[in-house]
Amino acid sequence: MTEILDRLRLSRLGDDDLELLLLIRHFELKLLELYGRGDLNGTTHTCLGQEYVPVALAPLLGEHDHVFSNHRGHGHYLARFRDPHGLLAEIMGRQGAVCGGVGGSQHIHRDRYMSTGVQGESMPVAAGVALHLRRAESGVLACVYIGDGTWGEGAVYEALNLASLWRLPLLVVVENNGIAQSTPTTAQMAGSVASRAAAFGVTHHLVVSTDVNEIRTSLEEPVAAVRAGRPLVVEFATHRLGPHSKGDDIRPADAVQAARDNDWYVRYANDHPDQFHRLDGTIRARVEAIAEEIAARPPSRWEASSSWEAS
């Protein structure tokens, strides 16, 4: 039993990585709280439970790489820019918003980063950008995040076909949390992500760990190969702690419990309590202060937000 527990123990992270993980976790929790109080309108899709994915990938992606996110993209943005002020201002429609408050939770554009709520839309766009990169910016890649449900979109297969034929520097990150909105993956997707990638001759790499250090080490060489023109599908077998959006969770209790049992947050707190508790309260307080400060700002105006300014 001791050997099993040791094997499951998460490795110790540097403070920077843990702070980023905690920032994303408390940012998402704060969003749900704000929506629950009626302080925010519209909808939001949190990445609770999946924060480790973009954090593990962050140092493997350079500033010149393009990142294409999706509806569940707050963690992707924060791992890229570490800018909770600009993102929360965008979602709340306050001054300092990344896109002047017109993009909201799902549709963000900044530098070489874009997110969209339209499933599968980013795949052909990312493939087109990867083609440009292959021709004009050697060694730079396009990274696109999709979910298991997105494999029902034809655009995914068109993009994979071209990526394989033209040897595009395209990194496809699949966050497979086992459920597409409210439909279990087993009820809506035949076969597997691996077999579908193989049909196009695209390399598939499965990640089942939530250990950031382990994941990062395992992906260093495969991601380097993408830069040389070998497209890659990295599938994360992950878990979504929260609902699909802000309140629509119809999963059975055992599925929710399985997600909680695999939550990196609880496991890391148990494995490295001193470091965790030293930083967790600090980051929680920081997010609280950010939310209060952003809420006190005046509404954003598009004319005053034509270009992003650091908050």
Protein backbone atom coordinates (compact mmCIF):
# COMPACT_ATOMS: atom_id res chain seq x y z
CA MET A 1 0.00 0.00 0.00
CA THR A 2 2.84 2.41 0.82
CA GLU A 3 4.37 1.85 -2.64
CA ILE A 4 1.03 2.62 -4.29
CA LEU A 5 0.64 5.83 -2.29
CA ASP A 6 4.19 6.87 -3.12
CA ARG A 7 3.56 6.30 -6.79
CA LEU A 8 0.40 8.42 -6.68
CA ARG A 9 2.09 11.21 -4.76
CA LEU A 10 2.32 14.44 -6.77
CA SER A 11 5.83 15.81 -7.17
CA ARG A 12 6.65 19.12 -5.55
CA LEU A 13 6.23 22.15 -7.80
CA GLY A 14 8.08 25.40 -7.82
CA ASP A 15 6.17 28.23 -6.19
CA ASP A 16 5.51 29.86 -9.59
CA ASP A 17 3.73 26.78 -10.95
CA LEU A 18 1.69 26.27 -7.80
CA GLU A 19 0.75 29.94 -7.65
CA LEU A 20 -0.52 29.75 -11.24
CA LEU A 21 -2.54 26.63 -10.51
CA LEU A 22 -4.09 28.28 -7.48
CA LEU A 23 -4.73 31.51 -9.36
CA ILE A 24 -6.76 29.66 -11.98
CA ARG A 25 -8.63 27.65 -9.34
CA HIS A 26 -9.65 30.65 -7.23
CA PHE A 27 -10.39 32.79 -10.29
CA GLU A 28 -12.88 30.19 -11.51
CA LEU A 29 -14.45 29.79 -8.08
CA LYS A 30 -14.84 33.55 -7.81
CA LEU A 31 -16.59 33.65 -11.19
CA LEU A 32 -19.14 31.07 -10.06
CA GLU A 33 -19.68 33.07 -6.88
CA LEU A 34 -20.23 36.29 -8.84
CA TYR A 35 -22.70 34.61 -11.18
CA GLY A 36 -24.48 33.02 -8.24
CA ARG A 37 -24.94 36.46 -6.64
CA GLY A 38 -26.27 37.91 -9.88
CA ASP A 39 -23.27 40.22 -10.29
CA LEU A 40 -22.49 38.84 -13.76
CA ASN A 41 -24.72 38.24 -16.76
CA GLY A 42 -24.62 35.65 -19.52
CA THR A 43 -22.81 32.40 -18.90
CA THR A 44 -19.38 31.02 -18.16
CA HIS A 45 -17.62 27.66 -18.42
CA THR A 46 -15.01 26.99 -15.77
CA CYS A 47 -12.01 24.67 -16.04
CA LEU A 48 -12.17 23.52 -12.41
CA GLY A 49 -10.20 20.28 -12.16
CA GLN A 50 -8.39 20.86 -15.45
CA GLU A 51 -6.12 23.73 -14.41
CA TYR A 52 -2.98 21.59 -14.55
CA VAL A 53 -3.27 21.12 -18.33
CA PRO A 54 -2.34 24.65 -19.48
CA VAL A 55 0.03 25.08 -16.54
CA ALA A 56 2.00 21.99 -17.58
CA LEU A 57 2.13 23.22 -21.18
CA ALA A 58 2.95 26.86 -20.41
CA PRO A 59 6.78 26.71 -20.55
CA LEU A 60 6.67 24.46 -23.62
CA LEU A 61 4.95 27.23 -25.60
CA GLY A 62 6.90 30.30 -26.65
CA GLU A 63 5.67 33.88 -26.97
CA HIS A 64 5.63 33.57 -30.77
CA ASP A 65 3.49 30.42 -30.76
CA HIS A 66 -0.21 30.85 -31.49
CA VAL A 67 -2.74 29.53 -28.99
CA PHE A 68 -6.35 28.84 -29.94
CA SER A 69 -8.65 28.26 -26.99
CA ASN A 70 -12.31 27.37 -26.57
CA HIS A 71 -15.35 28.11 -24.41
CA ARG A 72 -13.63 26.65 -21.32
CA GLY A 73 -10.56 28.81 -21.76
CA HIS A 74 -9.94 31.00 -18.70
CA GLY A 75 -7.12 28.72 -17.57
CA HIS A 76 -5.57 28.81 -21.03
CA TYR A 77 -5.57 32.60 -20.99
CA LEU A 78 -4.21 32.92 -17.46
CA ALA A 79 -1.45 30.39 -18.14
CA ARG A 80 -0.50 32.38 -21.23
CA PHE A 81 -0.61 35.93 -19.86
CA ARG A 82 -1.05 35.70 -16.06
CA ASP A 83 -3.46 38.59 -16.37
CA PRO A 84 -6.46 38.07 -14.06
CA HIS A 85 -7.22 41.82 -14.03
CA GLY A 86 -7.73 42.07 -17.78
CA LEU A 87 -9.71 38.84 -18.02
CA LEU A 88 -12.06 39.61 -15.14
CA ALA A 89 -12.55 43.14 -16.45
CA GLU A 90 -13.51 41.62 -19.79
CA ILE A 91 -16.02 39.26 -18.22
CA MET A 92 -17.46 42.03 -16.02
CA GLY A 93 -17.42 44.66 -18.79
CA ARG A 94 -15.18 47.06 -16.87
CA GLN A 95 -12.38 49.37 -17.88
CA GLY A 96 -9.13 47.56 -18.62
CA ALA A 97 -10.96 44.72 -20.34
CA VAL A 98 -8.85 42.70 -22.77
CA CYS A 99 -11.29 43.22 -25.64
CA GLY A 100 -13.15 46.29 -24.46
CA GLY A 101 -15.79 44.15 -22.78
CA VAL A 102 -17.30 42.90 -26.05
CA GLY A 103 -15.82 39.38 -25.92
CA GLY A 104 -16.99 38.33 -22.49
CA SER A 105 -16.10 34.96 -21.04
CA GLN A 106 -15.66 32.98 -24.25
CA HIS A 107 -14.38 35.22 -27.05
CA ILE A 108 -10.97 36.68 -26.32
CA HIS A 109 -8.29 37.95 -28.68
CA ARG A 110 -4.91 39.21 -27.59
CA ASP A 111 -1.63 39.07 -29.45
CA ARG A 112 -1.32 35.48 -30.71
CA TYR A 113 -4.13 34.13 -28.55
CA MET A 114 -7.77 33.60 -29.51
CA SER A 115 -10.68 31.82 -27.86
CA THR A 116 -14.11 31.06 -29.28
CA GLY A 117 -17.27 29.39 -28.06
CA VAL A 118 -17.95 27.74 -31.42
CA GLN A 119 -16.89 24.11 -31.15
CA GLY A 120 -14.38 23.01 -33.78
CA GLU A 121 -14.08 26.47 -35.29
CA SER A 122 -10.48 26.94 -34.23
CA MET A 123 -9.14 23.73 -35.76
CA PRO A 124 -9.12 24.83 -39.43
CA VAL A 125 -8.02 28.33 -38.40
CA ALA A 126 -5.13 26.86 -36.42
CA ALA A 127 -4.20 24.64 -39.37
CA GLY A 128 -4.14 27.68 -41.64
CA VAL A 129 -1.97 29.59 -39.19
CA ALA A 130 0.32 26.55 -38.90
CA LEU A 131 0.70 26.55 -42.68
CA HIS A 132 1.76 30.20 -42.56
CA LEU A 133 4.18 29.43 -39.75
CA ARG A 134 5.75 26.56 -41.67
CA ARG A 135 6.40 28.91 -44.57
CA ALA A 136 7.34 32.11 -42.76
CA GLU A 137 8.32 31.38 -39.14
CA SER A 138 10.30 28.19 -38.85
CA GLY A 139 10.17 26.56 -35.42
CA VAL A 140 6.95 28.28 -34.33
CA LEU A 141 3.77 26.26 -33.77
CA ALA A 142 0.02 26.65 -33.48
CA CYS A 143 -1.59 25.06 -30.41
CA VAL A 144 -5.34 24.46 -30.37
CA TYR A 145 -7.39 23.26 -27.39
CA ILE A 146 -10.46 21.13 -28.05
CA GLY A 147 -12.64 18.78 -26.01
CA ASP A 148 -13.86 15.24 -26.53
CA GLY A 149 -17.21 16.54 -27.79
CA THR A 150 -15.50 18.52 -30.56
CA TRP A 151 -14.64 15.27 -32.35
CA GLY A 152 -18.19 15.32 -33.66
CA GLU A 153 -17.27 18.29 -35.88
CA GLY A 154 -16.14 17.67 -39.45
CA ALA A 155 -13.76 20.62 -39.33
CA VAL A 156 -11.56 18.65 -36.90
CA TYR A 157 -10.95 15.93 -39.48
CA GLU A 158 -10.41 18.33 -42.37
CA ALA A 159 -7.77 20.12 -40.30
CA LEU A 160 -6.05 16.88 -39.27
CA ASN A 161 -5.99 15.71 -42.87
CA LEU A 162 -4.25 18.87 -44.05
CA ALA A 163 -1.93 18.96 -41.05
CA SER A 164 -0.74 15.46 -41.83
CA LEU A 165 -0.46 15.94 -45.61
CA TRP A 166 1.37 19.25 -45.34
CA ARG A 167 3.40 18.41 -42.20
CA LEU A 168 2.11 21.40 -40.31
CA PRO A 169 3.44 22.50 -36.90
CA LEU A 170 0.04 21.90 -35.29
CA LEU A 171 -0.36 20.83 -31.66
CA VAL A 172 -3.87 19.62 -30.83
CA VAL A 173 -4.57 19.46 -27.08
CA VAL A 174 -7.64 17.39 -26.26
CA GLU A 175 -9.10 17.91 -22.78
CA ASN A 176 -11.15 14.74 -22.57
CA ASN A 177 -13.24 15.08 -19.43
CA GLY A 178 -15.57 12.27 -20.42
CA ILE A 179 -18.69 14.33 -21.04
CA ALA A 180 -19.79 16.60 -23.87
CA GLN A 181 -21.98 19.19 -22.13
CA SER A 182 -24.44 16.62 -20.71
CA THR A 183 -23.72 13.60 -22.92
CA PRO A 184 -21.15 11.01 -21.79
CA THR A 185 -18.38 10.57 -24.35
CA THR A 186 -19.17 6.86 -24.57
CA ALA A 187 -22.67 7.75 -25.80
CA GLN A 188 -21.61 10.21 -28.49
CA MET A 189 -18.20 9.11 -29.86
CA ALA A 190 -17.41 5.73 -31.42
CA GLY A 191 -13.85 4.50 -31.27
CA SER A 192 -11.17 6.58 -29.61
CA VAL A 193 -9.26 9.82 -30.05
CA ALA A 194 -6.10 7.77 -30.63
CA SER A 195 -7.62 5.74 -33.46
CA ARG A 196 -9.01 8.84 -35.14
CA ALA A 197 -5.63 10.55 -35.05
CA ALA A 198 -4.00 7.39 -36.38
CA ALA A 199 -6.39 7.37 -39.35
CA PHE A 200 -4.62 10.51 -40.56
CA GLY A 201 -1.14 9.34 -39.64
CA VAL A 202 -0.96 11.86 -36.79
CA THR A 203 0.94 10.93 -33.63
CA HIS A 204 -1.17 10.56 -30.49
CA HIS A 205 0.12 11.01 -26.94
CA LEU A 206 -2.10 10.08 -23.99
CA VAL A 207 -1.68 11.82 -20.63
CA VAL A 208 -3.41 10.28 -17.61
CA SER A 209 -1.33 11.98 -14.91
CA THR A 210 -2.15 15.24 -13.14
CA ASP A 211 1.46 15.73 -12.08
CA VAL A 212 2.64 18.95 -13.77
CA ASN A 213 6.33 18.05 -13.65
CA GLU A 214 5.75 14.56 -15.03
CA ILE A 215 3.51 15.82 -17.83
CA ARG A 216 5.92 18.56 -18.82
CA THR A 217 8.87 16.18 -19.02
CA SER A 218 6.93 13.65 -21.08
CA LEU A 219 5.87 16.30 -23.61
CA GLU A 220 9.17 18.11 -24.18
CA GLU A 221 10.33 15.91 -27.06
CA PRO A 222 6.91 15.45 -28.73
CA VAL A 223 6.28 19.21 -28.72
CA ALA A 224 9.76 19.85 -30.11
CA ALA A 225 8.89 17.46 -32.95
CA VAL A 226 5.77 19.52 -33.72
CA ARG A 227 8.02 22.51 -34.36
CA ALA A 228 9.82 20.40 -36.96
CA GLY A 229 6.57 19.76 -38.84
CA ARG A 230 5.17 16.63 -37.17
CA PRO A 231 1.61 17.37 -36.01
CA LEU A 232 0.60 15.91 -32.66
CA VAL A 233 -2.59 15.14 -30.77
CA VAL A 234 -2.10 15.19 -27.00
CA GLU A 235 -5.08 13.74 -25.18
CA PHE A 236 -5.50 14.54 -21.49
CA ALA A 237 -7.77 12.09 -19.66
CA THR A 238 -9.03 14.69 -17.23
CA HIS A 239 -12.02 15.51 -15.04
CA ARG A 240 -14.40 18.45 -14.93
CA LEU A 241 -15.23 19.30 -11.32
CA GLY A 242 -17.93 21.85 -12.02
CA PRO A 243 -20.99 21.91 -14.26
CA HIS A 244 -20.87 22.38 -18.01
CA SER A 245 -21.60 26.07 -17.58
CA LYS A 246 -22.54 27.84 -14.40
CA GLY A 247 -25.28 25.55 -13.15
CA ASP A 248 -26.32 22.74 -15.49
CA ASP A 249 -24.79 19.60 -13.99
CA ILE A 250 -26.84 16.44 -14.41
CA ARG A 251 -24.04 13.92 -13.91
CA PRO A 252 -24.68 11.03 -11.52
CA ALA A 253 -23.19 11.35 -8.06
CA ASP A 254 -20.53 8.71 -8.69
CA ALA A 255 -19.20 10.62 -11.71
CA VAL A 256 -18.92 13.82 -9.70
CA GLN A 257 -17.21 11.93 -6.87
CA ALA A 258 -14.72 10.40 -9.31
CA ALA A 259 -13.78 13.89 -10.45
CA ARG A 260 -13.31 15.02 -6.86
CA ASP A 261 -11.18 11.97 -6.06
CA ASN A 262 -8.85 12.88 -8.92
CA ASP A 263 -8.68 16.59 -8.12
CA TRP A 264 -5.07 17.79 -8.09
CA TYR A 265 -5.99 20.52 -5.57
CA VAL A 266 -6.92 18.15 -2.76
CA ARG A 267 -4.12 15.72 -3.59
CA TYR A 268 -1.45 18.43 -3.63
CA ALA A 269 -2.69 19.84 -0.34
CA ASN A 270 -2.26 16.39 1.19
CA ASP A 271 1.13 15.74 -0.41
CA HIS A 272 2.76 19.12 0.25
CA PRO A 273 0.73 20.80 2.98
CA ASP A 274 3.29 23.39 4.10
CA GLN A 275 3.83 24.87 0.65
CA PHE A 276 0.17 24.54 -0.32
CA HIS A 277 -1.26 26.31 2.72
CA ARG A 278 1.44 29.00 2.59
CA LEU A 279 0.35 29.96 -0.94
CA ASP A 280 -3.33 29.01 -1.10
CA GLY A 281 -4.56 31.66 1.31
CA THR A 282 -2.40 34.32 -0.32
CA ILE A 283 -3.73 33.60 -3.81
CA ARG A 284 -7.31 33.36 -2.55
CA ALA A 285 -6.97 36.80 -0.95
CA ARG A 286 -5.38 38.17 -4.11
CA VAL A 287 -8.32 37.04 -6.24
CA GLU A 288 -10.78 38.53 -3.74
CA ALA A 289 -8.95 41.86 -3.93
CA ILE A 290 -8.86 41.76 -7.73
CA ALA A 291 -12.61 41.11 -7.89
CA GLU A 292 -13.36 44.05 -5.59
CA GLU A 293 -11.07 46.36 -7.52
CA ILE A 294 -12.48 45.39 -10.93
CA ALA A 295 -16.08 45.71 -9.72
CA ALA A 296 -15.34 49.29 -8.62
CA ARG A 297 -14.13 50.31 -12.07
CA PRO A 298 -16.45 52.15 -14.47
CA PRO A 299 -17.95 50.26 -17.41
CA SER A 300 -15.64 49.63 -20.34
CA ARG A 301 -15.94 51.69 -23.49
CA TRP A 302 -14.87 50.26 -26.82
CA GLU A 303 -13.46 53.60 -27.99
CA ALA A 304 -11.13 53.65 -25.00
CA SER A 305 -10.09 50.02 -25.39
CA SER A 306 -8.96 49.74 -29.00
CA SER A 307 -5.67 48.34 -27.80
CA TRP A 308 -4.90 46.30 -24.70
CA GLU A 309 -3.26 48.09 -21.80
CA ALA A 310 -1.69 46.33 -18.86
CA SER A 311 -3.77 46.47 -15.73
